């Protein structure tokens, strides 16, 4: 797998969430895929992932935006890493946060996906003041 193929798998995955496209979502997953969400939930195998996708997209829930800010590819590890900003409506509440997905791939699709999240509000706990001349 090369960088273009890896990034295409990732792009289809993210777009499937935006468009509620279950067929596209499933098309990029390896049958033995393992997905670990940033909230601790884990899904093992394509059937669990399908149930998760369906459950998440119940009426009223929607991914509003999923912007990929940076993308990296590790050819040796066959891994795509994406830094992103995610916005969704879920259970009547709008959420926005930054995060990163580490996506392991094979010729058969995504084999493992790990998500990490961080708060959207950033701050500097130790700001350095300017030093006078």
Foldseek 3Di string as FASTA:
>chain_A
DDPVVLVVLVVLCVVCQQVVPLVSNLQQEFQQAWEAEQVGDIAGGSVSVSVVSVVQPDPFKGWNDKAFPDWDADPVQQKIKTWIWTWIQGPNDIDIWIKMWIFHADPRHTRYIYIHTDHPDDDDPDDDDDDDD
